[in-house]
C-alpha atoms as a PDB file:
ATOM      1  CA  MET A   1      17.057   9.764  14.241  1.00  0.00           C
ATOM      2  CA  GLN A   2      17.765  13.021  11.716  1.00  0.00           C
ATOM      3  CA  PHE A   3      17.013  12.528   8.195  1.00  0.00           C
ATOM      4  CA  VAL A   4      18.380  14.238   5.059  1.00  0.00           C
ATOM      5  CA  ASP A   5      17.335  14.651   1.710  1.00  0.00           C
ATOM      6  CA  ALA A   6      20.148  12.562  -0.807  1.00  0.00           C
ATOM      7  CA  ASP A   7      21.994  15.460  -2.656  1.00  0.00           C
ATOM      8  CA  GLU A   8      24.142  14.053  -6.172  1.00  0.00           C
ATOM      9  CA  GLY A   9      27.011  12.758  -4.290  1.00  0.00           C
ATOM     10  CA  ALA A  10      25.039  11.024  -0.918  1.00  0.00           C
ATOM     11  CA  PRO A  11      25.478   7.272  -0.259  1.00  0.00           C
ATOM     12  CA  ARG A  12      22.142   5.635  -1.869  1.00  0.00           C
ATOM     13  CA  ILE A  13      20.531   2.108  -1.224  1.00  0.00           C
ATOM     14  CA  THR A  14      19.710   0.508  -5.034  1.00  0.00           C
ATOM     15  CA  GLY A  15      18.824  -2.499  -5.895  1.00  0.00           C
ATOM     16  CA  LEU A  16      16.254  -3.374  -3.020  1.00  0.00           C
ATOM     17  CA  SER A  17      14.539  -6.671  -3.972  1.00  0.00           C
ATOM     18  CA  HIS A  18      12.211  -9.502  -2.175  1.00  0.00           C
ATOM     19  CA  ALA A  19      11.206 -12.466  -1.884  1.00  0.00           C
ATOM     20  CA  VAL A  20       8.193 -13.992   0.035  1.00  0.00           C
ATOM     21  CA  GLU A  21       7.522 -17.592   1.214  1.00  0.00           C
ATOM     22  CA  ASP A  22       4.907 -18.692   3.683  1.00  0.00           C
ATOM     23  CA  ASP A  23       4.929 -15.359   5.977  1.00  0.00           C
ATOM     24  CA  GLN A  24       8.682 -14.968   5.793  1.00  0.00           C
ATOM     25  CA  CYS A  25      10.380 -12.308   3.801  1.00  0.00           C
ATOM     26  CA  VAL A  26      13.736 -11.723   3.015  1.00  0.00           C
ATOM     27  CA  LEU A  27      15.046  -8.138   1.543  1.00  0.00           C
ATOM     28  CA  ARG A  28      18.459  -8.147  -0.237  1.00  0.00           C
ATOM     29  CA  TRP A  29      20.067  -5.096  -1.409  1.00  0.00           C
ATOM     30  CA  ILE A  30      23.422  -3.128  -3.348  1.00  0.00           C
ATOM     31  CA  TRP A  31      25.005  -1.390   0.075  1.00  0.00           C
ATOM     32  CA  PRO A  32      27.190   1.806  -1.086  1.00  0.00           C
ATOM     33  CA  ALA A  33      30.778   1.320  -0.113  1.00  0.00           C
ATOM     34  CA  ALA A  34      30.936   4.101   2.207  1.00  0.00           C
ATOM     35  CA  VAL A  35      27.797   2.975   4.657  1.00  0.00           C
ATOM     36  CA  ASP A  36      28.159  -0.164   7.546  1.00  0.00           C
ATOM     37  CA  ALA A  37      24.717  -0.056   8.614  1.00  0.00           C
ATOM     38  CA  VAL A  38      21.200   0.799   7.414  1.00  0.00           C
ATOM     39  CA  TYR A  39      17.609   1.350   9.518  1.00  0.00           C
ATOM     40  CA  ILE A  40      14.771  -0.382   8.297  1.00  0.00           C
ATOM     41  CA  SER A  41      11.471   0.594   8.370  1.00  0.00           C
ATOM     42  CA  ALA A  42       8.695  -1.832   7.856  1.00  0.00           C
ATOM     43  CA  LEU A  43       5.367  -0.063   7.865  1.00  0.00           C
ATOM     44  CA  PRO A  44       1.895  -1.994   7.665  1.00  0.00           C
ATOM     45  CA  LEU A  45       0.037  -0.195   4.915  1.00  0.00           C
ATOM     46  CA  GLY A  46      -3.591   0.952   5.232  1.00  0.00           C
ATOM     47  CA  GLY A  47      -5.663   3.006   7.687  1.00  0.00           C
ATOM     48  CA  ARG A  48      -3.691   5.156   9.763  1.00  0.00           C
ATOM     49  CA  ASP A  49      -0.380   5.935   8.349  1.00  0.00           C
ATOM     50  CA  GLY A  50       2.502   6.915  10.653  1.00  0.00           C
ATOM     51  CA  GLY A  51       4.978   7.603   8.064  1.00  0.00           C
ATOM     52  CA  ASP A  52       8.514   5.925   7.125  1.00  0.00           C
ATOM     53  CA  GLU A  53       9.954   8.544   9.692  1.00  0.00           C
ATOM     54  CA  ASP A  54       8.305   7.413  12.491  1.00  0.00           C
ATOM     55  CA  ALA A  55      11.627   6.488  14.810  1.00  0.00           C
ATOM     56  CA  GLY A  56       9.766   3.923  16.609  1.00  0.00           C
ATOM     57  CA  ARG A  57       9.348   1.774  13.391  1.00  0.00           C
ATOM     58  CA  LEU A  58      12.979   1.902  12.463  1.00  0.00           C
ATOM     59  CA  LYS A  59      15.421  -1.120  13.099  1.00  0.00           C
ATOM     60  CA  LEU A  60      18.905  -0.650  12.957  1.00  0.00           C
ATOM     61  CA  TYR A  61      20.932  -3.522  10.636  1.00  0.00           C
ATOM     62  CA  THR A  62      24.728  -3.213  10.317  1.00  0.00           C
ATOM     63  CA  LYS A  63      26.406  -4.678   6.718  1.00  0.00           C
ATOM     64  CA  SER A  64      27.891  -8.178   9.081  1.00  0.00           C
ATOM     65  CA  GLU A  65      24.315  -8.667   9.750  1.00  0.00           C
ATOM     66  CA  TYR A  66      23.457  -8.219   6.718  1.00  0.00           C
ATOM     67  CA  LYS A  67      26.455 -10.699   5.389  1.00  0.00           C
ATOM     68  CA  ALA A  68      25.903 -13.472   8.387  1.00  0.00           C
ATOM     69  CA  ASN A  69      22.411 -13.756   6.940  1.00  0.00           C
ATOM     70  CA  ASN A  70      22.226 -13.407   3.383  1.00  0.00           C
ATOM     71  CA  GLY A  71      19.858 -10.071   3.297  1.00  0.00           C
ATOM     72  CA  PHE A  72      17.596  -8.909   5.909  1.00  0.00           C
ATOM     73  CA  ALA A  73      15.002 -11.853   6.907  1.00  0.00           C
ATOM     74  CA  CYS A  74      11.634 -11.111   9.085  1.00  0.00           C
ATOM     75  CA  ARG A  75       7.867 -12.370   9.704  1.00  0.00           C
ATOM     76  CA  LEU A  76       4.953 -10.867   8.280  1.00  0.00           C
ATOM     77  CA  ASN A  77       1.337 -11.047   9.152  1.00  0.00           C
ATOM     78  CA  PRO A  78      -0.289 -12.438   6.200  1.00  0.00           C
ATOM     79  CA  ALA A  79      -3.287 -10.525   6.040  1.00  0.00           C
ATOM     80  CA  ARG A  80      -0.923  -7.353   5.832  1.00  0.00           C
ATOM     81  CA  PRO A  81       0.551  -5.795   3.379  1.00  0.00           C
ATOM     82  CA  TYR A  82       3.571  -3.889   3.904  1.00  0.00           C
ATOM     83  CA  ARG A  83       6.350  -0.914   2.521  1.00  0.00           C
ATOM     84  CA  PHE A  84       9.496  -1.327   3.605  1.00  0.00           C
ATOM     85  CA  THR A  85      12.637   1.657   3.445  1.00  0.00           C
ATOM     86  CA  VAL A  86      16.020   0.706   3.651  1.00  0.00           C
ATOM     87  CA  TYR A  87      17.961   4.181   4.747  1.00  0.00           C
ATOM     88  CA  ALA A  88      21.629   4.618   4.426  1.00  0.00           C
ATOM     89  CA  PHE A  89      22.991   5.461   8.104  1.00  0.00           C
ATOM     90  CA  VAL A  90      26.064   7.929   7.678  1.00  0.00           C
ATOM     91  CA  GLU A  91      27.995   9.696  10.387  1.00  0.00           C
ATOM     92  CA  GLY A  92      30.034  13.092  10.318  1.00  0.00           C
ATOM     93  CA  LYS A  93      31.554  15.813  12.528  1.00  0.00           C
ATOM     94  CA  GLU A  94      27.881  17.454  12.188  1.00  0.00           C
ATOM     95  CA  GLY A  95      26.169  14.665  13.717  1.00  0.00           C
ATOM     96  CA  ALA A  96      24.188  11.039  12.723  1.00  0.00           C
ATOM     97  CA  PHE A  97      21.505  11.248   9.613  1.00  0.00           C
ATOM     98  CA  LEU A  98      19.710   8.721   7.432  1.00  0.00           C
ATOM     99  CA  ILE A  99      19.717   9.378   3.862  1.00  0.00           C
ATOM    100  CA  ARG A 100      15.647  10.228   2.367  1.00  0.00           C
ATOM    101  CA  GLN A 101      15.679   8.818  -1.619  1.00  0.00           C
ATOM    102  CA  SER A 102      13.342  10.916  -3.782  1.00  0.00           C
ATOM    103  CA  ASP A 103      14.103   7.986  -6.333  1.00  0.00           C
ATOM    104  CA  GLY A 104      12.400   5.057  -4.036  1.00  0.00           C
ATOM    105  CA  ASP A 105      15.122   2.646  -5.444  1.00  0.00           C
ATOM    106  CA  ASN A 106      15.135   1.906  -1.367  1.00  0.00           C
ATOM    107  CA  ARG A 107      11.178   1.215  -1.263  1.00  0.00           C
ATOM    108  CA  THR A 108       9.303  -2.182  -1.669  1.00  0.00           C
ATOM    109  CA  GLU A 109       6.090  -2.886  -0.964  1.00  0.00           C
ATOM    110  CA  LEU A 110       4.594  -6.499  -0.704  1.00  0.00           C
ATOM    111  CA  SER A 111       2.226  -8.661   1.332  1.00  0.00           C
ATOM    112  CA  ALA A 112       2.786 -12.446   2.127  1.00  0.00           C
ATOM    113  CA  GLY A 113      -0.497 -13.085   0.434  1.00  0.00           C
ATOM    114  CA  LYS A 114      -2.877 -11.102  -0.979  1.00  0.00           C
ATOM    115  CA  ALA A 115      -5.846  -9.785   1.876  1.00  0.00           C
ATOM    116  CA  LYS A 116      -9.250 -10.377   0.478  1.00  0.00           C
ATOM    117  CA  ILE A 117     -11.730  -7.818   0.004  1.00  0.00           C
ATOM    118  CA  PHE A 118     -15.007  -8.321  -0.281  1.00  0.00           C
ATOM    119  CA  TYR A 119     -17.867  -5.992  -1.616  1.00  0.00           C
ATOM    120  CA  SER A 120     -21.722  -6.065  -2.397  1.00  0.00           C
ATOM    121  CA  ILE A 121     -23.414  -3.544  -4.439  1.00  0.00           C
ATOM    122  CA  THR A 122     -27.445  -3.133  -3.564  1.00  0.00           C
ATOM    123  CA  GLU A 123     -29.680  -1.105  -5.914  1.00  0.00           C
ATOM    124  CA  LYS A 124     -32.765   0.762  -4.726  1.00  0.00           C
ATOM    125  CA  GLY A 125     -34.977   2.778  -6.492  1.00  0.00           C
ATOM    126  CA  GLY A 126     -38.975   3.117  -7.367  1.00  0.00           C
ATOM    127  CA  LEU A 127     -40.633   2.064 -10.598  1.00  0.00           C
ATOM    128  CA  PHE A 128     -41.407   5.866 -11.808  1.00  0.00           C
ATOM    129  CA  ARG A 129     -38.299   7.471  -9.990  1.00  0.00           C
ATOM    130  CA  LYS A 130     -35.956   8.967 -12.250  1.00  0.00           C
ATOM    131  CA  HIS A 131     -32.637   8.105 -10.139  1.00  0.00           C
ATOM    132  CA  LYS A 132     -31.955   5.375  -7.773  1.00  0.00           C
ATOM    133  CA  GLN A 133     -29.742   4.867  -5.000  1.00  0.00           C
ATOM    134  CA  ALA A 134     -26.538   2.253  -5.199  1.00  0.00           C
ATOM    135  CA  LEU A 135     -25.593   1.151  -1.681  1.00  0.00           C
ATOM    136  CA  ILE A 136     -22.218  -0.038  -1.044  1.00  0.00           C
ATOM    137  CA  GLU A 137     -20.468  -2.534   1.663  1.00  0.00           C
ATOM    138  CA  VAL A 138     -17.080  -3.213   1.892  1.00  0.00           C
ATOM    139  CA  ASP A 139     -15.963  -5.920   4.302  1.00  0.00           C
ATOM    140  CA  THR A 140     -11.845  -6.460   4.157  1.00  0.00           C
ATOM    141  CA  GLU A 141      -9.596  -8.417   6.467  1.00  0.00           C
ATOM    142  CA  THR A 142      -7.110  -5.239   6.492  1.00  0.00           C
ATOM    143  CA  ALA A 143      -7.701  -1.414   6.880  1.00  0.00           C
ATOM    144  CA  LEU A 144      -7.368   0.218   3.468  1.00  0.00           C
ATOM    145  CA  ASN A 145      -6.392   3.523   3.043  1.00  0.00           C
ATOM    146  CA  GLN A 146      -8.970   5.593   0.566  1.00  0.00           C
ATOM    147  CA  ASP A 147      -7.159   5.617  -2.707  1.00  0.00           C
ATOM    148  CA  VAL A 148      -6.821   1.668  -3.007  1.00  0.00           C
ATOM    149  CA  LEU A 149      -9.995   1.309  -3.872  1.00  0.00           C
ATOM    150  CA  CYS A 150     -12.330   3.318  -6.395  1.00  0.00           C
ATOM    151  CA  TYR A 151     -15.906   3.324  -7.706  1.00  0.00           C
ATOM    152  CA  VAL A 152     -16.880   3.585 -11.700  1.00  0.00           C
ATOM    153  CA  LYS A 153     -20.357   4.725 -12.968  1.00  0.00           C
ATOM    154  CA  LYS A 154     -21.421   3.717 -16.557  1.00  0.00           C
ATOM    155  CA  GLN A 155     -24.707   4.288 -18.426  1.00  0.00           C
ATOM    156  CA  GLY A 156     -26.142   1.432 -19.600  1.00  0.00           C
ATOM    157  CA  GLY A 157     -24.291  -1.568 -18.197  1.00  0.00           C
ATOM    158  CA  TYR A 158     -21.663  -2.729 -15.657  1.00  0.00           C
ATOM    159  CA  PRO A 159     -18.358  -1.126 -16.015  1.00  0.00           C
ATOM    160  CA  ALA A 160     -15.953  -3.550 -17.360  1.00  0.00           C
ATOM    161  CA  ASN A 161     -12.562  -1.439 -15.921  1.00  0.00           C
ATOM    162  CA  ARG A 162     -11.490   1.270 -14.623  1.00  0.00           C
ATOM    163  CA  GLU A 163     -11.865   2.971 -17.877  1.00  0.00           C
ATOM    164  CA  ASP A 164     -15.223   2.007 -18.794  1.00  0.00           C
ATOM    165  CA  GLY A 165     -17.121   4.782 -17.643  1.00  0.00           C
ATOM    166  CA  ILE A 166     -16.325   7.559 -14.869  1.00  0.00           C
ATOM    167  CA  LEU A 167     -14.207   7.033 -11.988  1.00  0.00           C
ATOM    168  CA  TYR A 168     -14.412   7.930  -8.480  1.00  0.00           C
ATOM    169  CA  PRO A 169     -12.137   8.141  -5.534  1.00  0.00           C
ATOM    170  CA  PHE A 170     -13.376   7.479  -2.506  1.00  0.00           C
ATOM    171  CA  VAL A 171     -12.588  10.050   0.420  1.00  0.00           C
ATOM    172  CA  THR A 172     -12.360   8.121   3.706  1.00  0.00           C
ATOM    173  CA  PRO A 173     -10.219   5.243   4.715  1.00  0.00           C
ATOM    174  CA  PHE A 174     -11.907   1.863   5.325  1.00  0.00           C
ATOM    175  CA  SER A 175     -11.215   0.098   8.540  1.00  0.00           C
ATOM    176  CA  PRO A 176     -11.042  -3.970   8.625  1.00  0.00           C
ATOM    177  CA  GLY A 177     -14.287  -5.460   8.767  1.00  0.00           C
ATOM    178  CA  ARG A 178     -17.770  -4.420   7.766  1.00  0.00           C
ATOM    179  CA  ASN A 179     -17.957  -1.004   6.311  1.00  0.00           C
ATOM    180  CA  VAL A 180     -21.158   0.380   4.862  1.00  0.00           C
ATOM    181  CA  LEU A 181     -20.781   3.651   2.864  1.00  0.00           C
ATOM    182  CA  PRO A 182     -23.608   6.414   2.565  1.00  0.00           C
ATOM    183  CA  PRO A 183     -25.586   5.966  -0.423  1.00  0.00           C
ATOM    184  CA  ILE A 184     -24.798   7.088  -4.280  1.00  0.00           C
ATOM    185  CA  GLU A 185     -27.352   8.276  -6.163  1.00  0.00           C
ATOM    186  CA  ILE A 186     -26.891   7.605  -9.978  1.00  0.00           C
ATOM    187  CA  GLY A 187     -29.408   7.496 -13.019  1.00  0.00           C
ATOM    188  CA  LYS A 188     -32.207   4.953 -13.166  1.00  0.00           C
ATOM    189  CA  SER A 189     -29.993   3.195 -16.312  1.00  0.00           C
ATOM    190  CA  GLU A 190     -26.496   3.698 -14.617  1.00  0.00           C
ATOM    191  CA  TYR A 191     -24.750   0.734 -12.711  1.00  0.00           C
ATOM    192  CA  VAL A 192     -21.585   0.894 -10.491  1.00  0.00           C
ATOM    193  CA  ARG A 193     -19.172  -1.516  -9.766  1.00  0.00           C
ATOM    194  CA  LEU A 194     -15.856  -1.165  -7.815  1.00  0.00           C
ATOM    195  CA  PHE A 195     -12.116  -1.641  -8.531  1.00  0.00           C
ATOM    196  CA  LEU A 196      -8.459  -1.510  -7.356  1.00  0.00           C
ATOM    197  CA  THR A 197      -7.214   1.767  -8.296  1.00  0.00           C
ATOM    198  CA  ASP A 198      -3.869   1.026  -9.211  1.00  0.00           C
ATOM    199  CA  GLY A 199      -4.438  -2.542 -10.819  1.00  0.00           C
ATOM    200  CA  ARG A 200      -0.489  -2.783 -11.257  1.00  0.00           C
ATOM    201  CA  THR A 201       0.494  -2.325  -7.276  1.00  0.00           C
ATOM    202  CA  HIS A 202      -2.124  -3.013  -5.277  1.00  0.00           C
ATOM    203  CA  GLY A 203      -3.304  -6.017  -7.433  1.00  0.00           C
ATOM    204  CA  GLN A 204      -0.298  -7.584  -5.746  1.00  0.00           C
ATOM    205  CA  LEU A 205      -1.426  -6.754  -2.258  1.00  0.00           C
ATOM    206  CA  TYR A 206      -5.322  -7.023  -2.701  1.00  0.00           C
ATOM    207  CA  GLU A 207      -7.953  -9.572  -3.696  1.00  0.00           C
ATOM    208  CA  LEU A 208     -11.094  -7.936  -4.611  1.00  0.00           C
ATOM    209  CA  ILE A 209     -13.818 -10.383  -4.323  1.00  0.00           C
ATOM    210  CA  ALA A 210     -17.644  -9.245  -5.084  1.00  0.00           C
ATOM    211  CA  ARG A 211     -20.544 -10.980  -3.508  1.00  0.00           C
END
């Protein structure tokens, strides 16, 4: 299936919303007048990201099916967050296309339940050393992209939030299960704590728990 970027006159999906009850999700949106079918991408977030335009992840859904079912319903894995994208499907003399929108109105992220992320930080250092090592271990129910978590370093005490110190991103993704990170060298009076990088977005999908 070919994609084209939405221009000024292209039909757009708007008003995309979702409702989640237990492991059941229902998507609803506003249909453009000239569109009778869409393709829906349900992409599990975290780890290897195949991209929304992976044809193997796309499902055709017609306006008549939408009306009969009062939306689009599917089941979710409770331990996995998802990104749903709805593409308007158009056919013309030049072929069939899916409309790629840059405004994000046709995209939403959700989870049937927050995936739990456990972490622990152990400090090691000698009595007469100027520095110590922070050993971070992350145990997660689901794969995580590297931008989901960050750590913050603060002088004289533990940081209270992402802005309470110097923020450092992680550079590699996290696999499901136990992840032991390379030691981080910090000053003897410095302290480290983990946070979700984007509390508003990631906080709907994950629960970060210190051990």
